[in-house]
Amino acid sequence: MTDEHIARELAALHADVAAALETAKPSDMNGPVVLANGMWANRWHMIWRVTEDREGARDKPARFVAAHLDQCRRWAGAQLRNSTH
């Protein structure tokens, strides 16, 4: 992959995330919510679980758990910035 290809992929992901957030309604805030690094956040027993797939079926336990969705978004952003890909 070239840097140009990666930049296009990240721009497309950013556009998808921005569109999802713009159309989100308060009832959507239980999830699933797509995060900046392409993972998903779902609310489960009053905590947010971050998983690779939309339903969270493949990740037990979750990659990350948090009290607030904003924490999940910060974690995803940090993971994206720290990625070597």
C-alpha atoms as a PDB file:
ATOM      1  CA  MET A   1       0.000   0.000   0.000  1.00  0.00           C
ATOM      2  CA  THR A   2       1.185   3.471  -0.765  1.00  0.00           C
ATOM      3  CA  ASP A   3       0.810   6.523   1.462  1.00  0.00           C
ATOM      4  CA  GLU A   4      -1.661   7.909  -1.070  1.00  0.00           C
ATOM      5  CA  HIS A   5      -3.811   4.774  -0.829  1.00  0.00           C
ATOM      6  CA  ILE A   6      -3.781   4.915   2.984  1.00  0.00           C
ATOM      7  CA  ALA A   7      -4.732   8.606   2.910  1.00  0.00           C
ATOM      8  CA  ARG A   8      -7.710   7.823   0.627  1.00  0.00           C
ATOM      9  CA  GLU A   9      -8.834   4.993   2.912  1.00  0.00           C
ATOM     10  CA  LEU A  10      -8.601   7.212   6.000  1.00  0.00           C
ATOM     11  CA  ALA A  11     -10.482  10.038   4.263  1.00  0.00           C
ATOM     12  CA  ALA A  12     -13.279   7.637   3.321  1.00  0.00           C
ATOM     13  CA  LEU A  13     -13.440   6.282   6.875  1.00  0.00           C
ATOM     14  CA  HIS A  14     -13.562   9.824   8.262  1.00  0.00           C
ATOM     15  CA  ALA A  15     -16.434  10.701   5.910  1.00  0.00           C
ATOM     16  CA  ASP A  16     -18.367   7.592   6.989  1.00  0.00           C
ATOM     17  CA  VAL A  17     -17.869   8.378  10.675  1.00  0.00           C
ATOM     18  CA  ALA A  18     -18.869  12.040  10.217  1.00  0.00           C
ATOM     19  CA  ALA A  19     -22.031  11.018   8.339  1.00  0.00           C
ATOM     20  CA  ALA A  20     -22.949   8.481  11.023  1.00  0.00           C
ATOM     21  CA  LEU A  21     -22.536  11.059  13.790  1.00  0.00           C
ATOM     22  CA  GLU A  22     -24.530  13.709  11.926  1.00  0.00           C
ATOM     23  CA  THR A  23     -27.494  11.381  11.466  1.00  0.00           C
ATOM     24  CA  ALA A  24     -27.356   9.815  14.948  1.00  0.00           C
ATOM     25  CA  LYS A  25     -30.410  10.270  17.115  1.00  0.00           C
ATOM     26  CA  PRO A  26     -30.447  10.102  20.930  1.00  0.00           C
ATOM     27  CA  SER A  27     -31.977   6.623  20.670  1.00  0.00           C
ATOM     28  CA  ASP A  28     -28.875   5.489  18.740  1.00  0.00           C
ATOM     29  CA  MET A  29     -26.583   6.268  21.632  1.00  0.00           C
ATOM     30  CA  ASN A  30     -26.762   2.711  22.930  1.00  0.00           C
ATOM     31  CA  GLY A  31     -24.923   1.674  19.798  1.00  0.00           C
ATOM     32  CA  PRO A  32     -23.733   0.271  17.666  1.00  0.00           C
ATOM     33  CA  VAL A  33     -21.645   3.360  16.921  1.00  0.00           C
ATOM     34  CA  VAL A  34     -18.792   3.183  14.420  1.00  0.00           C
ATOM     35  CA  LEU A  35     -15.537   4.595  15.787  1.00  0.00           C
ATOM     36  CA  ALA A  36     -12.725   6.463  14.029  1.00  0.00           C
ATOM     37  CA  ASN A  37     -10.566   3.345  13.695  1.00  0.00           C
ATOM     38  CA  GLY A  38     -13.376   1.281  12.169  1.00  0.00           C
ATOM     39  CA  MET A  39     -14.265  -0.596  15.345  1.00  0.00           C
ATOM     40  CA  TRP A  40     -17.726  -0.541  16.940  1.00  0.00           C
ATOM     41  CA  ALA A  41     -18.994   0.594  20.343  1.00  0.00           C
ATOM     42  CA  ASN A  42     -22.052  -1.029  21.908  1.00  0.00           C
ATOM     43  CA  ARG A  43     -23.589  -0.325  25.284  1.00  0.00           C
ATOM     44  CA  TRP A  44     -23.823  -3.482  27.374  1.00  0.00           C
ATOM     45  CA  HIS A  45     -24.927  -3.572  31.030  1.00  0.00           C
ATOM     46  CA  MET A  46     -24.292   0.168  31.472  1.00  0.00           C
ATOM     47  CA  ILE A  47     -20.781   0.094  29.983  1.00  0.00           C
ATOM     48  CA  TRP A  48     -19.545   0.610  26.436  1.00  0.00           C
ATOM     49  CA  ARG A  49     -17.750  -2.307  24.780  1.00  0.00           C
ATOM     50  CA  VAL A  50     -15.492  -1.768  21.774  1.00  0.00           C
ATOM     51  CA  THR A  51     -15.446  -4.651  19.311  1.00  0.00           C
ATOM     52  CA  GLU A  52     -14.298  -5.416  15.772  1.00  0.00           C
ATOM     53  CA  ASP A  53     -17.739  -6.333  14.491  1.00  0.00           C
ATOM     54  CA  ARG A  54     -21.023  -4.421  14.702  1.00  0.00           C
ATOM     55  CA  GLU A  55     -22.760  -6.875  17.041  1.00  0.00           C
ATOM     56  CA  GLY A  56     -19.710  -7.614  19.177  1.00  0.00           C
ATOM     57  CA  ALA A  57     -20.087 -11.359  18.695  1.00  0.00           C
ATOM     58  CA  ARG A  58     -16.452 -11.982  17.760  1.00  0.00           C
ATOM     59  CA  ASP A  59     -14.838 -10.104  20.640  1.00  0.00           C
ATOM     60  CA  LYS A  60     -15.302 -11.664  24.060  1.00  0.00           C
ATOM     61  CA  PRO A  61     -14.032  -9.948  26.105  1.00  0.00           C
ATOM     62  CA  ALA A  62     -14.137  -6.597  24.335  1.00  0.00           C
ATOM     63  CA  ARG A  63     -11.021  -4.727  23.274  1.00  0.00           C
ATOM     64  CA  PHE A  64     -11.935  -1.780  25.502  1.00  0.00           C
ATOM     65  CA  VAL A  65     -14.690  -0.931  27.970  1.00  0.00           C
ATOM     66  CA  ALA A  66     -15.673   2.524  29.189  1.00  0.00           C
ATOM     67  CA  ALA A  67     -18.343   4.393  31.091  1.00  0.00           C
ATOM     68  CA  HIS A  68     -18.924   6.946  28.324  1.00  0.00           C
ATOM     69  CA  LEU A  69     -18.998   6.853  24.544  1.00  0.00           C
ATOM     70  CA  ASP A  70     -16.573   9.818  24.423  1.00  0.00           C
ATOM     71  CA  GLN A  71     -13.958   7.614  26.104  1.00  0.00           C
ATOM     72  CA  CYS A  72     -14.425   5.015  23.365  1.00  0.00           C
ATOM     73  CA  ARG A  73     -13.986   7.692  20.710  1.00  0.00           C
ATOM     74  CA  ARG A  74     -10.790   8.973  22.371  1.00  0.00           C
ATOM     75  CA  TRP A  75      -9.431   5.410  22.589  1.00  0.00           C
ATOM     76  CA  ALA A  76     -10.216   4.762  18.930  1.00  0.00           C
ATOM     77  CA  GLY A  77      -8.561   8.016  17.882  1.00  0.00           C
ATOM     78  CA  ALA A  78      -5.430   7.159  19.880  1.00  0.00           C
ATOM     79  CA  GLN A  79      -5.331   3.668  18.352  1.00  0.00           C
ATOM     80  CA  LEU A  80      -5.601   5.183  14.874  1.00  0.00           C
ATOM     81  CA  ARG A  81      -2.822   7.706  15.531  1.00  0.00           C
ATOM     82  CA  ASN A  82      -0.546   5.012  16.996  1.00  0.00           C
ATOM     83  CA  SER A  83      -1.168   2.575  14.141  1.00  0.00           C
ATOM     84  CA  THR A  84       1.851   1.598  12.040  1.00  0.00           C
ATOM     85  CA  HIS A  85      -0.333   0.848   8.999  1.00  0.00           C
END
